[in-house]
Amino acid sequence: MPSLSPKQFAKTYQPSEYGATWSEVRGSQEFHRPIEGAMSHEEMVSDVKKHGVRSPVMVYGGRVVDGHHRVLAAMDAGQAVPYEHSPSEMYEGQIK
């Protein structure tokens, strides 16, 4: 499975939601809205520091279509971002 450093990943792949840039995602209230049963961003960063990103981020058409939280946690933890290209166009409607 391919992976990129956080800096290279951010240059190569853009978010498909929460904002047009990773800085906008980081500042988005919608992105930071708590999800019941999910780890907080701080907990996720701690986990990524210990174990790396365990599930690859899905990308399609130069955009992240699944895994925005994992990308920012990897960026904050200074860990590589593993990714996979979506095998189909199932995410096409999500890209804005």
PDB file of N, CA and C in Angstrom:
ATOM      1  N   MET A   1       0.853  -1.177   0.000  1.00  0.00           N
ATOM      2  CA  MET A   1       0.000   0.000   0.000  1.00  0.00           C
ATOM      3  C   MET A   1       0.897   1.238   0.000  1.00  0.00           C
ATOM      4  N   PRO A   2       0.633   2.166  -0.911  1.00  0.00           N
ATOM      5  CA  PRO A   2       1.458   3.373  -0.951  1.00  0.00           C
ATOM      6  C   PRO A   2       1.167   4.288   0.236  1.00  0.00           C
ATOM      7  N   SER A   3       2.150   5.102   0.576  1.00  0.00           N
ATOM      8  CA  SER A   3       1.954   6.125   1.602  1.00  0.00           C
ATOM      9  C   SER A   3       2.839   7.313   1.249  1.00  0.00           C
ATOM     10  N   LEU A   4       2.458   8.462   1.759  1.00  0.00           N
ATOM     11  CA  LEU A   4       3.207   9.696   1.547  1.00  0.00           C
ATOM     12  C   LEU A   4       3.403  10.405   2.874  1.00  0.00           C
ATOM     13  N   SER A   5       4.453  11.203   2.952  1.00  0.00           N
ATOM     14  CA  SER A   5       4.626  12.041   4.129  1.00  0.00           C
ATOM     15  C   SER A   5       3.438  12.999   4.196  1.00  0.00           C
ATOM     16  N   PRO A   6       3.116  13.506   5.372  1.00  0.00           N
ATOM     17  CA  PRO A   6       1.973  14.437   5.471  1.00  0.00           C
ATOM     18  C   PRO A   6       2.105  15.631   4.525  1.00  0.00           C
ATOM     19  N   LYS A   7       3.302  16.178   4.413  1.00  0.00           N
ATOM     20  CA  LYS A   7       3.512  17.347   3.558  1.00  0.00           C
ATOM     21  C   LYS A   7       3.265  16.995   2.090  1.00  0.00           C
ATOM     22  N   GLN A   8       3.808  15.869   1.636  1.00  0.00           N
ATOM     23  CA  GLN A   8       3.623  15.456   0.250  1.00  0.00           C
ATOM     24  C   GLN A   8       2.171  15.074  -0.025  1.00  0.00           C
ATOM     25  N   PHE A   9       1.531  14.417   0.954  1.00  0.00           N
ATOM     26  CA  PHE A   9       0.127  14.044   0.792  1.00  0.00           C
ATOM     27  C   PHE A   9      -0.726  15.296   0.593  1.00  0.00           C
ATOM     28  N   ALA A  10      -0.494  16.317   1.424  1.00  0.00           N
ATOM     29  CA  ALA A  10      -1.279  17.557   1.342  1.00  0.00           C
ATOM     30  C   ALA A  10      -1.061  18.276   0.011  1.00  0.00           C
ATOM     31  N   LYS A  11       0.117  18.148  -0.572  1.00  0.00           N
ATOM     32  CA  LYS A  11       0.378  18.750  -1.883  1.00  0.00           C
ATOM     33  C   LYS A  11      -0.289  17.967  -3.008  1.00  0.00           C
ATOM     34  N   THR A  12      -0.441  16.661  -2.803  1.00  0.00           N
ATOM     35  CA  THR A  12      -0.935  15.771  -3.855  1.00  0.00           C
ATOM     36  C   THR A  12      -2.451  15.626  -3.849  1.00  0.00           C
ATOM     37  N   TYR A  13      -3.046  15.552  -2.663  1.00  0.00           N
ATOM     38  CA  TYR A  13      -4.485  15.287  -2.543  1.00  0.00           C
ATOM     39  C   TYR A  13      -5.176  16.391  -1.751  1.00  0.00           C
ATOM     40  N   GLN A  14      -6.312  16.832  -2.285  1.00  0.00           N
ATOM     41  CA  GLN A  14      -7.110  17.867  -1.641  1.00  0.00           C
ATOM     42  C   GLN A  14      -8.318  17.230  -0.947  1.00  0.00           C
ATOM     43  N   PRO A  15      -8.882  17.922   0.042  1.00  0.00           N
ATOM     44  CA  PRO A  15     -10.103  17.401   0.675  1.00  0.00           C
ATOM     45  C   PRO A  15     -11.288  17.497  -0.280  1.00  0.00           C
ATOM     46  N   SER A  16     -12.255  16.606  -0.102  1.00  0.00           N
ATOM     47  CA  SER A  16     -13.471  16.673  -0.921  1.00  0.00           C
ATOM     48  C   SER A  16     -14.626  17.291  -0.142  1.00  0.00           C
ATOM     49  N   GLU A  17     -14.424  17.529   1.139  1.00  0.00           N
ATOM     50  CA  GLU A  17     -15.456  18.163   1.959  1.00  0.00           C
ATOM     51  C   GLU A  17     -14.790  18.919   3.104  1.00  0.00           C
ATOM     52  N   TYR A  18     -15.555  19.673   3.831  1.00  0.00           N
ATOM     53  CA  TYR A  18     -15.127  20.486   4.973  1.00  0.00           C
ATOM     54  C   TYR A  18     -14.328  21.728   4.571  1.00  0.00           C
ATOM     55  N   GLY A  19     -13.995  21.899   3.316  1.00  0.00           N
ATOM     56  CA  GLY A  19     -13.233  23.050   2.860  1.00  0.00           C
ATOM     57  C   GLY A  19     -12.396  22.688   1.646  1.00  0.00           C
ATOM     58  N   ALA A  20     -11.866  23.709   0.993  1.00  0.00           N
ATOM     59  CA  ALA A  20     -11.091  23.491  -0.238  1.00  0.00           C
ATOM     60  C   ALA A  20      -9.629  23.173   0.031  1.00  0.00           C
ATOM     61  N   THR A  21      -9.148  23.515   1.222  1.00  0.00           N
ATOM     62  CA  THR A  21      -7.750  23.257   1.576  1.00  0.00           C
ATOM     63  C   THR A  21      -7.701  22.560   2.933  1.00  0.00           C
ATOM     64  N   TRP A  22      -6.558  21.975   3.244  1.00  0.00           N
ATOM     65  CA  TRP A  22      -6.427  21.313   4.550  1.00  0.00           C
ATOM     66  C   TRP A  22      -6.494  22.330   5.688  1.00  0.00           C
ATOM     67  N   SER A  23      -6.066  23.551   5.453  1.00  0.00           N
ATOM     68  CA  SER A  23      -6.201  24.601   6.479  1.00  0.00           C
ATOM     69  C   SER A  23      -7.664  24.915   6.743  1.00  0.00           C
ATOM     70  N   GLU A  24      -8.457  24.959   5.681  1.00  0.00           N
ATOM     71  CA  GLU A  24      -9.896  25.202   5.851  1.00  0.00           C
ATOM     72  C   GLU A  24     -10.562  24.041   6.582  1.00  0.00           C
ATOM     73  N   VAL A  25     -10.158  22.819   6.276  1.00  0.00           N
ATOM     74  CA  VAL A  25     -10.699  21.652   6.980  1.00  0.00           C
ATOM     75  C   VAL A  25     -10.398  21.775   8.465  1.00  0.00           C
ATOM     76  N   ARG A  26      -9.153  22.098   8.781  1.00  0.00           N
ATOM     77  CA  ARG A  26      -8.730  22.220  10.175  1.00  0.00           C
ATOM     78  C   ARG A  26      -9.576  23.255  10.924  1.00  0.00           C
ATOM     79  N   GLY A  27      -9.992  24.319  10.249  1.00  0.00           N
ATOM     80  CA  GLY A  27     -10.781  25.371  10.886  1.00  0.00           C
ATOM     81  C   GLY A  27     -12.281  25.186  10.806  1.00  0.00           C
ATOM     82  N   SER A  28     -12.737  24.138  10.143  1.00  0.00           N
ATOM     83  CA  SER A  28     -14.164  23.927   9.931  1.00  0.00           C
ATOM     84  C   SER A  28     -14.867  23.452  11.205  1.00  0.00           C
ATOM     85  N   GLN A  29     -15.944  24.133  11.569  1.00  0.00           N
ATOM     86  CA  GLN A  29     -16.740  23.701  12.720  1.00  0.00           C
ATOM     87  C   GLN A  29     -17.391  22.357  12.443  1.00  0.00           C
ATOM     88  N   GLU A  30     -17.829  22.141  11.222  1.00  0.00           N
ATOM     89  CA  GLU A  30     -18.470  20.877  10.858  1.00  0.00           C
ATOM     90  C   GLU A  30     -17.491  19.709  11.035  1.00  0.00           C
ATOM     91  N   PHE A  31     -16.241  19.912  10.654  1.00  0.00           N
ATOM     92  CA  PHE A  31     -15.224  18.864  10.794  1.00  0.00           C
ATOM     93  C   PHE A  31     -15.009  18.501  12.265  1.00  0.00           C
ATOM     94  N   HIS A  32     -15.059  19.493  13.131  1.00  0.00           N
ATOM     95  CA  HIS A  32     -14.777  19.281  14.555  1.00  0.00           C
ATOM     96  C   HIS A  32     -16.005  18.920  15.381  1.00  0.00           C
ATOM     97  N   ARG A  33     -17.150  18.783  14.745  1.00  0.00           N
ATOM     98  CA  ARG A  33     -18.363  18.398  15.468  1.00  0.00           C
ATOM     99  C   ARG A  33     -18.161  16.991  16.037  1.00  0.00           C
ATOM    100  N   PRO A  34     -18.361  16.807  17.341  1.00  0.00           N
ATOM    101  CA  PRO A  34     -18.166  15.478  17.946  1.00  0.00           C
ATOM    102  C   PRO A  34     -19.078  14.421  17.323  1.00  0.00           C
ATOM    103  N   ILE A  35     -18.529  13.248  17.128  1.00  0.00           N
ATOM    104  CA  ILE A  35     -19.287  12.112  16.612  1.00  0.00           C
ATOM    105  C   ILE A  35     -19.382  11.097  17.740  1.00  0.00           C
ATOM    106  N   GLU A  36     -20.598  10.752  18.107  1.00  0.00           N
ATOM    107  CA  GLU A  36     -20.801   9.833  19.224  1.00  0.00           C
ATOM    108  C   GLU A  36     -20.046   8.519  18.990  1.00  0.00           C
ATOM    109  N   GLY A  37     -19.262   8.136  19.983  1.00  0.00           N
ATOM    110  CA  GLY A  37     -18.522   6.876  19.929  1.00  0.00           C
ATOM    111  C   GLY A  37     -17.186   6.959  19.203  1.00  0.00           C
ATOM    112  N   ALA A  38     -16.894   8.101  18.576  1.00  0.00           N
ATOM    113  CA  ALA A  38     -15.629   8.252  17.847  1.00  0.00           C
ATOM    114  C   ALA A  38     -14.589   8.920  18.729  1.00  0.00           C
ATOM    115  N   MET A  39     -13.332   8.659  18.433  1.00  0.00           N
ATOM    116  CA  MET A  39     -12.237   9.299  19.159  1.00  0.00           C
ATOM    117  C   MET A  39     -12.225  10.801  18.871  1.00  0.00           C
ATOM    118  N   SER A  40     -11.780  11.568  19.846  1.00  0.00           N
ATOM    119  CA  SER A  40     -11.561  12.992  19.613  1.00  0.00           C
ATOM    120  C   SER A  40     -10.307  13.124  18.739  1.00  0.00           C
ATOM    121  N   HIS A  41     -10.097  14.311  18.209  1.00  0.00           N
ATOM    122  CA  HIS A  41      -8.905  14.529  17.377  1.00  0.00           C
ATOM    123  C   HIS A  41      -7.634  14.261  18.191  1.00  0.00           C
ATOM    124  N   GLU A  42      -7.617  14.713  19.421  1.00  0.00           N
ATOM    125  CA  GLU A  42      -6.433  14.523  20.266  1.00  0.00           C
ATOM    126  C   GLU A  42      -6.166  13.035  20.524  1.00  0.00           C
ATOM    127  N   GLU A  43      -7.228  12.278  20.760  1.00  0.00           N
ATOM    128  CA  GLU A  43      -7.079  10.826  20.961  1.00  0.00           C
ATOM    129  C   GLU A  43      -6.580  10.147  19.687  1.00  0.00           C
ATOM    130  N   MET A  44      -7.096  10.600  18.551  1.00  0.00           N
ATOM    131  CA  MET A  44      -6.677  10.017  17.278  1.00  0.00           C
ATOM    132  C   MET A  44      -5.202  10.322  16.998  1.00  0.00           C
ATOM    133  N   VAL A  45      -4.766  11.543  17.276  1.00  0.00           N
ATOM    134  CA  VAL A  45      -3.356  11.905  17.083  1.00  0.00           C
ATOM    135  C   VAL A  45      -2.472  11.023  17.955  1.00  0.00           C
ATOM    136  N   SER A  46      -2.849  10.837  19.206  1.00  0.00           N
ATOM    137  CA  SER A  46      -2.085   9.981  20.115  1.00  0.00           C
ATOM    138  C   SER A  46      -2.002   8.552  19.591  1.00  0.00           C
ATOM    139  N   ASP A  47      -3.122   8.037  19.098  1.00  0.00           N
ATOM    140  CA  ASP A  47      -3.158   6.683  18.553  1.00  0.00           C
ATOM    141  C   ASP A  47      -2.280   6.565  17.305  1.00  0.00           C
ATOM    142  N   VAL A  48      -2.329   7.561  16.439  1.00  0.00           N
ATOM    143  CA  VAL A  48      -1.521   7.543  15.217  1.00  0.00           C
ATOM    144  C   VAL A  48      -0.029   7.639  15.565  1.00  0.00           C
ATOM    145  N   LYS A  49       0.318   8.399  16.601  1.00  0.00           N
ATOM    146  CA  LYS A  49       1.720   8.458  17.028  1.00  0.00           C
ATOM    147  C   LYS A  49       2.214   7.089  17.468  1.00  0.00           C
ATOM    148  N   LYS A  50       1.353   6.326  18.133  1.00  0.00           N
ATOM    149  CA  LYS A  50       1.735   5.004  18.638  1.00  0.00           C
ATOM    150  C   LYS A  50       1.700   3.925  17.568  1.00  0.00           C
ATOM    151  N   HIS A  51       0.670   3.969  16.708  1.00  0.00           N
ATOM    152  CA  HIS A  51       0.421   2.847  15.799  1.00  0.00           C
ATOM    153  C   HIS A  51       0.458   3.200  14.314  1.00  0.00           C
ATOM    154  N   GLY A  52       0.578   4.482  13.990  1.00  0.00           N
ATOM    155  CA  GLY A  52       0.460   4.889  12.596  1.00  0.00           C
ATOM    156  C   GLY A  52      -0.999   4.887  12.179  1.00  0.00           C
ATOM    157  N   VAL A  53      -1.257   5.269  10.951  1.00  0.00           N
ATOM    158  CA  VAL A  53      -2.619   5.242  10.419  1.00  0.00           C
ATOM    159  C   VAL A  53      -2.892   3.801  10.013  1.00  0.00           C
ATOM    160  N   ARG A  54      -3.880   3.204  10.642  1.00  0.00           N
ATOM    161  CA  ARG A  54      -4.140   1.773  10.445  1.00  0.00           C
ATOM    162  C   ARG A  54      -4.991   1.465   9.212  1.00  0.00           C
ATOM    163  N   SER A  55      -5.878   2.363   8.860  1.00  0.00           N
ATOM    164  CA  SER A  55      -6.740   2.163   7.686  1.00  0.00           C
ATOM    165  C   SER A  55      -6.363   3.191   6.633  1.00  0.00           C
ATOM    166  N   PRO A  56      -6.164   2.759   5.409  1.00  0.00           N
ATOM    167  CA  PRO A  56      -5.772   3.719   4.374  1.00  0.00           C
ATOM    168  C   PRO A  56      -6.878   4.730   4.087  1.00  0.00           C
ATOM    169  N   VAL A  57      -6.458   5.892   3.695  1.00  0.00           N
ATOM    170  CA  VAL A  57      -7.343   6.953   3.252  1.00  0.00           C
ATOM    171  C   VAL A  57      -7.730   6.625   1.807  1.00  0.00           C
ATOM    172  N   MET A  58      -8.990   6.826   1.469  1.00  0.00           N
ATOM    173  CA  MET A  58      -9.441   6.574   0.099  1.00  0.00           C
ATOM    174  C   MET A  58      -9.376   7.869  -0.701  1.00  0.00           C
ATOM    175  N   VAL A  59      -8.786   7.786  -1.886  1.00  0.00           N
ATOM    176  CA  VAL A  59      -8.680   8.950  -2.762  1.00  0.00           C
ATOM    177  C   VAL A  59      -9.321   8.623  -4.111  1.00  0.00           C
ATOM    178  N   TYR A  60      -9.849   9.664  -4.732  1.00  0.00           N
ATOM    179  CA  TYR A  60     -10.463   9.520  -6.054  1.00  0.00           C
ATOM    180  C   TYR A  60     -10.340  10.856  -6.756  1.00  0.00           C
ATOM    181  N   GLY A  61      -9.829  10.855  -7.943  1.00  0.00           N
ATOM    182  CA  GLY A  61      -9.742  12.081  -8.734  1.00  0.00           C
ATOM    183  C   GLY A  61      -8.940  13.179  -8.070  1.00  0.00           C
ATOM    184  N   GLY A  62      -7.881  12.826  -7.344  1.00  0.00           N
ATOM    185  CA  GLY A  62      -7.040  13.828  -6.683  1.00  0.00           C
ATOM    186  C   GLY A  62      -7.607  14.374  -5.388  1.00  0.00           C
ATOM    187  N   ARG A  63      -8.674  13.766  -4.906  1.00  0.00           N
ATOM    188  CA  ARG A  63      -9.339  14.224  -3.679  1.00  0.00           C
ATOM    189  C   ARG A  63      -9.472  13.088  -2.680  1.00  0.00           C
ATOM    190  N   VAL A  64      -9.441  13.449  -1.405  1.00  0.00           N
ATOM    191  CA  VAL A  64      -9.715  12.479  -0.341  1.00  0.00           C
ATOM    192  C   VAL A  64     -11.225  12.334  -0.261  1.00  0.00           C
ATOM    193  N   VAL A  65     -11.709  11.105  -0.383  1.00  0.00           N
ATOM    194  CA  VAL A  65     -13.151  10.878  -0.311  1.00  0.00           C
ATOM    195  C   VAL A  65     -13.543  10.134   0.959  1.00  0.00           C
ATOM    196  N   ASP A  66     -12.566   9.584   1.667  1.00  0.00           N
ATOM    197  CA  ASP A  66     -12.825   8.941   2.955  1.00  0.00           C
ATOM    198  C   ASP A  66     -11.535   8.980   3.760  1.00  0.00           C
ATOM    199  N   GLY A  67     -11.578   9.642   4.925  1.00  0.00           N
ATOM    200  CA  GLY A  67     -10.405   9.653   5.791  1.00  0.00           C
ATOM    201  C   GLY A  67      -9.864  11.019   6.140  1.00  0.00           C
ATOM    202  N   HIS A  68     -10.673  12.055   6.039  1.00  0.00           N
ATOM    203  CA  HIS A  68     -10.209  13.405   6.366  1.00  0.00           C
ATOM    204  C   HIS A  68      -9.645  13.489   7.783  1.00  0.00           C
ATOM    205  N   HIS A  69     -10.304  12.841   8.744  1.00  0.00           N
ATOM    206  CA  HIS A  69      -9.828  12.879  10.127  1.00  0.00           C
ATOM    207  C   HIS A  69      -8.482  12.163  10.253  1.00  0.00           C
ATOM    208  N   ARG A  70      -8.315  11.056   9.548  1.00  0.00           N
ATOM    209  CA  ARG A  70      -7.037  10.337   9.580  1.00  0.00           C
ATOM    210  C   ARG A  70      -5.920  11.172   8.983  1.00  0.00           C
ATOM    211  N   VAL A  71      -6.228  11.923   7.921  1.00  0.00           N
ATOM    212  CA  VAL A  71      -5.208  12.771   7.295  1.00  0.00           C
ATOM    213  C   VAL A  71      -4.727  13.822   8.290  1.00  0.00           C
ATOM    214  N   LEU A  72      -5.641  14.551   8.923  1.00  0.00           N
ATOM    215  CA  LEU A  72      -5.210  15.597   9.861  1.00  0.00           C
ATOM    216  C   LEU A  72      -4.526  15.008  11.088  1.00  0.00           C
ATOM    217  N   ALA A  73      -4.970  13.846  11.553  1.00  0.00           N
ATOM    218  CA  ALA A  73      -4.286  13.198  12.678  1.00  0.00           C
ATOM    219  C   ALA A  73      -2.871  12.817  12.280  1.00  0.00           C
ATOM    220  N   ALA A  74      -2.700  12.293  11.069  1.00  0.00           N
ATOM    221  CA  ALA A  74      -1.360  11.937  10.593  1.00  0.00           C
ATOM    222  C   ALA A  74      -0.488  13.174  10.457  1.00  0.00           C
ATOM    223  N   MET A  75      -1.053  14.257   9.957  1.00  0.00           N
ATOM    224  CA  MET A  75      -0.304  15.511   9.837  1.00  0.00           C
ATOM    225  C   MET A  75       0.168  15.974  11.208  1.00  0.00           C
ATOM    226  N   ASP A  76      -0.736  15.962  12.194  1.00  0.00           N
ATOM    227  CA  ASP A  76      -0.385  16.425  13.536  1.00  0.00           C
ATOM    228  C   ASP A  76       0.569  15.477  14.255  1.00  0.00           C
ATOM    229  N   ALA A  77       0.517  14.199  13.900  1.00  0.00           N
ATOM    230  CA  ALA A  77       1.405  13.206  14.521  1.00  0.00           C
ATOM    231  C   ALA A  77       2.728  13.078  13.781  1.00  0.00           C
ATOM    232  N   GLY A  78       2.815  13.695  12.600  1.00  0.00           N
ATOM    233  CA  GLY A  78       4.039  13.595  11.814  1.00  0.00           C
ATOM    234  C   GLY A  78       4.263  12.201  11.242  1.00  0.00           C
ATOM    235  N   GLN A  79       3.178  11.508  10.932  1.00  0.00           N
ATOM    236  CA  GLN A  79       3.251  10.134  10.421  1.00  0.00           C
ATOM    237  C   GLN A  79       2.819  10.078   8.960  1.00  0.00           C
ATOM    238  N   ALA A  80       3.297   9.083   8.250  1.00  0.00           N
ATOM    239  CA  ALA A  80       2.931   8.889   6.847  1.00  0.00           C
ATOM    240  C   ALA A  80       1.436   8.622   6.712  1.00  0.00           C
ATOM    241  N   VAL A  81       0.906   8.991   5.560  1.00  0.00           N
ATOM    242  CA  VAL A  81      -0.508   8.792   5.263  1.00  0.00           C
ATOM    243  C   VAL A  81      -0.629   7.676   4.215  1.00  0.00           C
ATOM    244  N   PRO A  82      -1.084   6.481   4.629  1.00  0.00           N
ATOM    245  CA  PRO A  82      -1.320   5.426   3.644  1.00  0.00           C
ATOM    246  C   PRO A  82      -2.610   5.724   2.892  1.00  0.00           C
ATOM    247  N   TYR A  83      -2.637   5.372   1.617  1.00  0.00           N
ATOM    248  CA  TYR A  83      -3.832   5.659   0.831  1.00  0.00           C
ATOM    249  C   TYR A  83      -4.052   4.590  -0.225  1.00  0.00           C
ATOM    250  N   GLU A  84      -5.281   4.536  -0.695  1.00  0.00           N
ATOM    251  CA  GLU A  84      -5.667   3.660  -1.796  1.00  0.00           C
ATOM    252  C   GLU A  84      -6.530   4.475  -2.744  1.00  0.00           C
ATOM    253  N   HIS A  85      -6.415   4.171  -4.016  1.00  0.00           N
ATOM    254  CA  HIS A  85      -7.281   4.799  -5.002  1.00  0.00           C
ATOM    255  C   HIS A  85      -8.597   4.040  -5.027  1.00  0.00           C
ATOM    256  N   SER A  86      -9.690   4.779  -5.016  1.00  0.00           N
ATOM    257  CA  SER A  86     -10.999   4.145  -5.071  1.00  0.00           C
ATOM    258  C   SER A  86     -11.108   3.350  -6.366  1.00  0.00           C
ATOM    259  N   PRO A  87     -11.555   2.110  -6.266  1.00  0.00           N
ATOM    260  CA  PRO A  87     -11.643   1.287  -7.469  1.00  0.00           C
ATOM    261  C   PRO A  87     -12.826   1.612  -8.371  1.00  0.00           C
ATOM    262  N   SER A  88     -13.683   2.508  -7.943  1.00  0.00           N
ATOM    263  CA  SER A  88     -14.864   2.822  -8.750  1.00  0.00           C
ATOM    264  C   SER A  88     -15.201   4.306  -8.635  1.00  0.00           C
ATOM    265  N   GLU A  89     -16.253   4.677  -9.311  1.00  0.00           N
ATOM    266  CA  GLU A  89     -16.705   6.055  -9.286  1.00  0.00           C
ATOM    267  C   GLU A  89     -17.756   6.291  -8.203  1.00  0.00           C
ATOM    268  N   MET A  90     -17.842   5.402  -7.236  1.00  0.00           N
ATOM    269  CA  MET A  90     -18.891   5.506  -6.212  1.00  0.00           C
ATOM    270  C   MET A  90     -18.817   6.795  -5.406  1.00  0.00           C
ATOM    271  N   TYR A  91     -17.645   7.429  -5.366  1.00  0.00           N
ATOM    272  CA  TYR A  91     -17.476   8.656  -4.589  1.00  0.00           C
ATOM    273  C   TYR A  91     -17.670   9.923  -5.411  1.00  0.00           C
ATOM    274  N   GLU A  92     -17.877   9.795  -6.693  1.00  0.00           N
ATOM    275  CA  GLU A  92     -17.918  10.958  -7.575  1.00  0.00           C
ATOM    276  C   GLU A  92     -18.900  12.039  -7.112  1.00  0.00           C
ATOM    277  N   GLY A  93     -20.052  11.671  -6.603  1.00  0.00           N
ATOM    278  CA  GLY A  93     -21.039  12.633  -6.142  1.00  0.00           C
ATOM    279  C   GLY A  93     -20.620  13.383  -4.890  1.00  0.00           C
ATOM    280  N   GLN A  94     -19.656  12.853  -4.150  1.00  0.00           N
ATOM    281  CA  GLN A  94     -19.193  13.476  -2.911  1.00  0.00           C
ATOM    282  C   GLN A  94     -18.222  14.625  -3.195  1.00  0.00           C
ATOM    283  N   ILE A  95     -17.546  14.566  -4.317  1.00  0.00           N
ATOM    284  CA  ILE A  95     -16.530  15.576  -4.626  1.00  0.00           C
ATOM    285  C   ILE A  95     -17.214  16.867  -5.048  1.00  0.00           C
ATOM    286  N   LYS A  96     -16.842  17.953  -4.354  1.00  0.00           N
ATOM    287  CA  LYS A  96     -17.458  19.259  -4.607  1.00  0.00           C
ATOM    288  C   LYS A  96     -16.546  20.139  -5.397  1.00  0.00           C
TER     289      LYS A  96
END
